[in-house]
């Protein structure tokens, strides 16, 4: 949990909001006394937010493109087994 005085919070609000977005809680002090807490909004996937706060995963910075799930996968003229055999041939020698 992070702590910030009111004046520091005002001067660096964007910084503290990014921290909250990553899942951290900020306690606001007024003349040295805690007066408020800024916490992330509760979301259905709280576990993912917790992992992001721990640095295990990174949350997306922008939404997935609309056509993402409709995109065609690239196709190769070689088969997987041929590519694997070719790769392994480099190791044997």
N, C-alpha and C. Protein backbone atom coordinates (compact mmCIF):
# COMPACT_ATOMS: atom_id res chain seq x y z
N UNK A 1 0.86 -1.18 0.00
CA UNK A 1 0.00 0.00 0.00
C UNK A 1 0.89 1.23 0.00
N UNK A 2 0.58 2.18 -0.86
CA UNK A 2 1.32 3.42 -0.98
C UNK A 2 0.63 4.51 -0.17
N UNK A 3 1.41 5.49 0.27
CA UNK A 3 0.88 6.61 1.05
C UNK A 3 1.29 7.89 0.34
N UNK A 4 0.37 8.86 0.27
CA UNK A 4 0.67 10.13 -0.39
C UNK A 4 -0.03 11.27 0.35
N UNK A 5 0.70 12.34 0.56
CA UNK A 5 0.10 13.55 1.13
C UNK A 5 -0.78 14.20 0.06
N UNK A 6 -1.74 15.00 0.50
CA UNK A 6 -2.68 15.64 -0.43
C UNK A 6 -1.93 16.44 -1.49
N UNK A 7 -0.93 17.24 -1.07
CA UNK A 7 -0.20 18.07 -2.04
C UNK A 7 0.55 17.21 -3.06
N UNK A 8 1.17 16.12 -2.61
CA UNK A 8 1.87 15.23 -3.52
C UNK A 8 0.88 14.56 -4.47
N UNK A 9 -0.27 14.17 -3.94
CA UNK A 9 -1.29 13.54 -4.77
C UNK A 9 -1.77 14.49 -5.86
N UNK A 10 -1.97 15.76 -5.49
CA UNK A 10 -2.40 16.74 -6.48
C UNK A 10 -1.35 16.94 -7.57
N UNK A 11 -0.10 16.98 -7.17
CA UNK A 11 0.98 17.22 -8.13
C UNK A 11 1.27 16.02 -9.02
N UNK A 12 1.02 14.81 -8.53
CA UNK A 12 1.34 13.60 -9.28
C UNK A 12 0.13 12.68 -9.43
N UNK A 13 -1.02 13.27 -9.66
CA UNK A 13 -2.26 12.50 -9.71
C UNK A 13 -2.20 11.40 -10.76
N UNK A 14 -1.72 11.68 -11.96
CA UNK A 14 -1.65 10.66 -13.01
C UNK A 14 -0.80 9.48 -12.58
N UNK A 15 0.31 9.76 -11.93
CA UNK A 15 1.20 8.70 -11.45
C UNK A 15 0.46 7.78 -10.47
N UNK A 16 -0.24 8.38 -9.51
CA UNK A 16 -0.95 7.58 -8.51
C UNK A 16 -2.14 6.83 -9.12
N UNK A 17 -2.79 7.42 -10.09
CA UNK A 17 -3.90 6.73 -10.75
C UNK A 17 -3.41 5.52 -11.54
N UNK A 18 -2.23 5.63 -12.15
CA UNK A 18 -1.65 4.47 -12.84
C UNK A 18 -1.35 3.35 -11.85
N UNK A 19 -0.87 3.73 -10.67
CA UNK A 19 -0.61 2.72 -9.63
C UNK A 19 -1.90 2.01 -9.23
N UNK A 20 -2.95 2.78 -9.06
CA UNK A 20 -4.25 2.20 -8.69
C UNK A 20 -4.75 1.31 -9.81
N UNK A 21 -4.57 1.73 -11.04
CA UNK A 21 -5.01 0.92 -12.18
C UNK A 21 -4.27 -0.42 -12.21
N UNK A 22 -3.05 -0.46 -11.71
CA UNK A 22 -2.28 -1.71 -11.65
C UNK A 22 -2.70 -2.57 -10.46
N UNK A 23 -3.61 -2.06 -9.63
CA UNK A 23 -4.12 -2.87 -8.53
C UNK A 23 -3.66 -2.44 -7.14
N UNK A 24 -2.88 -1.37 -7.05
CA UNK A 24 -2.40 -0.93 -5.73
C UNK A 24 -3.42 0.00 -5.08
N UNK A 25 -3.31 0.12 -3.77
CA UNK A 25 -4.16 1.02 -3.00
C UNK A 25 -3.31 2.18 -2.51
N UNK A 26 -3.83 3.40 -2.59
CA UNK A 26 -3.12 4.58 -2.14
C UNK A 26 -3.90 5.19 -0.97
N UNK A 27 -3.20 5.39 0.15
CA UNK A 27 -3.80 6.06 1.30
C UNK A 27 -3.42 7.53 1.24
N UNK A 28 -4.41 8.41 1.36
CA UNK A 28 -4.21 9.85 1.25
C UNK A 28 -4.10 10.43 2.66
N UNK A 29 -3.02 11.22 2.88
CA UNK A 29 -2.80 11.85 4.18
C UNK A 29 -3.05 13.35 4.09
N UNK A 30 -3.75 13.87 5.10
CA UNK A 30 -3.94 15.31 5.22
C UNK A 30 -3.33 15.72 6.55
N UNK A 31 -2.23 16.48 6.46
CA UNK A 31 -1.47 16.88 7.65
C UNK A 31 -1.03 15.67 8.47
N UNK A 32 -0.63 14.63 7.75
CA UNK A 32 -0.09 13.44 8.40
C UNK A 32 -1.11 12.43 8.87
N UNK A 33 -2.40 12.73 8.72
CA UNK A 33 -3.45 11.80 9.16
C UNK A 33 -4.14 11.19 7.94
N UNK A 34 -4.38 9.89 7.96
CA UNK A 34 -5.10 9.26 6.84
C UNK A 34 -6.53 9.75 6.76
N UNK A 35 -6.93 10.19 5.57
CA UNK A 35 -8.29 10.70 5.39
C UNK A 35 -9.06 9.95 4.30
N UNK A 36 -8.34 9.24 3.42
CA UNK A 36 -9.03 8.56 2.32
C UNK A 36 -8.13 7.46 1.77
N UNK A 37 -8.77 6.56 1.03
CA UNK A 37 -8.04 5.53 0.30
C UNK A 37 -8.55 5.51 -1.13
N UNK A 38 -7.62 5.39 -2.05
CA UNK A 38 -7.99 5.23 -3.45
C UNK A 38 -7.69 3.77 -3.79
N UNK A 39 -8.72 3.04 -4.16
CA UNK A 39 -8.57 1.62 -4.44
C UNK A 39 -9.09 1.31 -5.85
N UNK A 40 -8.59 0.24 -6.46
CA UNK A 40 -9.11 -0.13 -7.78
C UNK A 40 -10.58 -0.54 -7.69
N UNK A 41 -11.30 -0.32 -8.76
CA UNK A 41 -12.68 -0.77 -8.81
C UNK A 41 -12.72 -2.29 -8.80
N UNK A 42 -13.71 -2.83 -8.15
CA UNK A 42 -13.88 -4.28 -8.15
C UNK A 42 -14.31 -4.73 -9.54
N UNK A 43 -13.60 -5.69 -10.07
CA UNK A 43 -13.92 -6.23 -11.39
C UNK A 43 -14.13 -7.73 -11.24
N UNK A 44 -14.86 -8.35 -12.17
CA UNK A 44 -15.11 -9.78 -12.05
C UNK A 44 -13.83 -10.61 -11.98
N UNK A 45 -12.78 -10.19 -12.68
CA UNK A 45 -11.56 -10.98 -12.70
C UNK A 45 -10.51 -10.36 -11.78
N UNK A 46 -10.82 -10.32 -10.50
CA UNK A 46 -9.92 -9.72 -9.52
C UNK A 46 -8.60 -10.47 -9.44
N UNK A 47 -8.62 -11.76 -9.71
CA UNK A 47 -7.38 -12.55 -9.68
C UNK A 47 -6.37 -12.05 -10.69
N UNK A 48 -6.84 -11.66 -11.87
CA UNK A 48 -5.96 -11.15 -12.90
C UNK A 48 -5.35 -9.82 -12.48
N UNK A 49 -6.14 -8.97 -11.86
CA UNK A 49 -5.63 -7.69 -11.37
C UNK A 49 -4.57 -7.92 -10.28
N UNK A 50 -4.80 -8.90 -9.44
CA UNK A 50 -3.84 -9.22 -8.37
C UNK A 50 -2.52 -9.67 -8.99
N UNK A 51 -2.60 -10.53 -10.00
CA UNK A 51 -1.39 -10.99 -10.68
C UNK A 51 -0.67 -9.83 -11.36
N UNK A 52 -1.42 -8.89 -11.90
CA UNK A 52 -0.80 -7.72 -12.53
C UNK A 52 -0.09 -6.86 -11.48
N UNK A 53 -0.71 -6.71 -10.32
CA UNK A 53 -0.09 -5.92 -9.24
C UNK A 53 1.19 -6.59 -8.75
N UNK A 54 1.23 -7.92 -8.81
CA UNK A 54 2.42 -8.66 -8.38
C UNK A 54 3.48 -8.70 -9.48
N UNK A 55 3.14 -8.25 -10.68
CA UNK A 55 4.09 -8.25 -11.78
C UNK A 55 4.19 -9.57 -12.53
N UNK A 56 3.25 -10.47 -12.28
CA UNK A 56 3.27 -11.78 -12.94
C UNK A 56 2.76 -11.67 -14.37
N UNK A 57 1.73 -10.86 -14.60
CA UNK A 57 1.17 -10.65 -15.93
C UNK A 57 1.06 -9.15 -16.20
N UNK A 58 0.88 -8.80 -17.45
CA UNK A 58 0.63 -7.41 -17.82
C UNK A 58 -0.76 -7.32 -18.43
N UNK A 59 -1.52 -6.34 -18.00
CA UNK A 59 -2.85 -6.12 -18.56
C UNK A 59 -2.72 -5.40 -19.89
N UNK A 60 -3.67 -5.59 -20.81
CA UNK A 60 -3.58 -4.92 -22.11
C UNK A 60 -3.70 -3.41 -21.98
N UNK A 61 -3.05 -2.70 -22.88
CA UNK A 61 -3.10 -1.25 -22.86
C UNK A 61 -4.13 -0.70 -23.83
N UNK A 62 -4.60 -1.56 -24.75
CA UNK A 62 -5.65 -1.15 -25.68
C UNK A 62 -6.51 -2.37 -26.00
N UNK A 63 -7.71 -2.13 -26.45
CA UNK A 63 -8.59 -3.27 -26.76
C UNK A 63 -8.09 -4.09 -27.94
N UNK A 64 -8.54 -5.32 -28.00
CA UNK A 64 -8.20 -6.21 -29.11
C UNK A 64 -8.88 -5.68 -30.38
N UNK A 65 -8.16 -5.68 -31.52
CA UNK A 65 -8.80 -5.21 -32.76
C UNK A 65 -10.08 -5.99 -33.07
N UNK A 66 -11.02 -5.32 -33.69
CA UNK A 66 -12.33 -5.94 -33.96
C UNK A 66 -12.23 -7.21 -34.79
N UNK A 67 -11.29 -7.23 -35.74
CA UNK A 67 -11.18 -8.39 -36.64
C UNK A 67 -10.26 -9.48 -36.10
N UNK A 68 -9.80 -9.37 -34.87
CA UNK A 68 -8.82 -10.31 -34.33
C UNK A 68 -9.27 -11.76 -34.45
N UNK A 69 -10.47 -12.07 -34.06
CA UNK A 69 -10.94 -13.46 -34.06
C UNK A 69 -11.35 -13.95 -35.46
N UNK A 70 -11.44 -13.04 -36.41
CA UNK A 70 -11.81 -13.43 -37.78
C UNK A 70 -10.61 -13.50 -38.71
N UNK A 71 -9.45 -13.11 -38.24
CA UNK A 71 -8.25 -13.14 -39.07
C UNK A 71 -7.89 -14.57 -39.43
N UNK A 72 -7.37 -14.72 -40.63
CA UNK A 72 -6.94 -16.04 -41.08
C UNK A 72 -5.52 -16.28 -40.59
N UNK A 73 -5.27 -17.50 -40.18
CA UNK A 73 -3.94 -17.87 -39.74
C UNK A 73 -3.02 -18.04 -40.95
N UNK A 74 -1.75 -17.72 -40.79
CA UNK A 74 -0.83 -17.92 -41.92
C UNK A 74 -0.65 -19.41 -42.20
N UNK A 75 -0.51 -19.74 -43.45
CA UNK A 75 -0.33 -21.13 -43.86
C UNK A 75 1.07 -21.30 -44.45
N UNK A 76 1.65 -22.45 -44.20
CA UNK A 76 2.97 -22.76 -44.72
C UNK A 76 2.85 -23.88 -45.73
N UNK A 77 3.72 -23.87 -46.72
CA UNK A 77 3.69 -24.94 -47.70
C UNK A 77 4.35 -26.20 -47.15
N UNK A 78 5.22 -26.06 -46.14
CA UNK A 78 5.88 -27.22 -45.54
C UNK A 78 5.04 -27.76 -44.40
N UNK A 79 5.16 -29.06 -44.20
CA UNK A 79 4.42 -29.65 -43.09
C UNK A 79 5.19 -29.44 -41.80
N UNK A 80 4.53 -29.59 -40.69
CA UNK A 80 5.16 -29.41 -39.39
C UNK A 80 6.26 -30.46 -39.21
N UNK A 81 5.99 -31.69 -39.58
CA UNK A 81 7.00 -32.74 -39.40
C UNK A 81 8.24 -32.47 -40.27
N UNK A 82 8.06 -31.92 -41.47
CA UNK A 82 9.21 -31.58 -42.31
C UNK A 82 10.03 -30.46 -41.66
N UNK A 83 9.37 -29.45 -41.15
CA UNK A 83 10.07 -28.34 -40.51
C UNK A 83 10.82 -28.82 -39.27
N UNK A 84 10.21 -29.70 -38.48
CA UNK A 84 10.84 -30.24 -37.30
C UNK A 84 12.06 -31.09 -37.67
N UNK A 85 11.93 -31.92 -38.69
CA UNK A 85 13.05 -32.75 -39.14
C UNK A 85 14.20 -31.87 -39.63
N UNK A 86 13.88 -30.81 -40.35
CA UNK A 86 14.91 -29.89 -40.84
C UNK A 86 15.63 -29.21 -39.68
N UNK A 87 14.89 -28.78 -38.68
CA UNK A 87 15.49 -28.13 -37.52
C UNK A 87 16.39 -29.10 -36.76
N UNK A 88 15.95 -30.32 -36.60
CA UNK A 88 16.74 -31.32 -35.87
C UNK A 88 17.98 -31.73 -36.66
N UNK A 89 17.93 -31.69 -37.98
CA UNK A 89 19.08 -32.06 -38.80
C UNK A 89 20.24 -31.12 -38.54
N UNK A 90 19.95 -29.88 -38.21
CA UNK A 90 21.01 -28.91 -37.90
C UNK A 90 21.77 -29.29 -36.64
N UNK A 91 21.12 -29.96 -35.71
CA UNK A 91 21.75 -30.31 -34.44
C UNK A 91 22.62 -31.56 -34.54
N UNK A 92 22.25 -32.45 -35.44
CA UNK A 92 22.98 -33.71 -35.59
C UNK A 92 24.09 -33.48 -36.61
N UNK A 93 25.27 -33.87 -36.28
CA UNK A 93 26.29 -33.63 -37.28
C UNK A 93 27.54 -34.21 -36.96
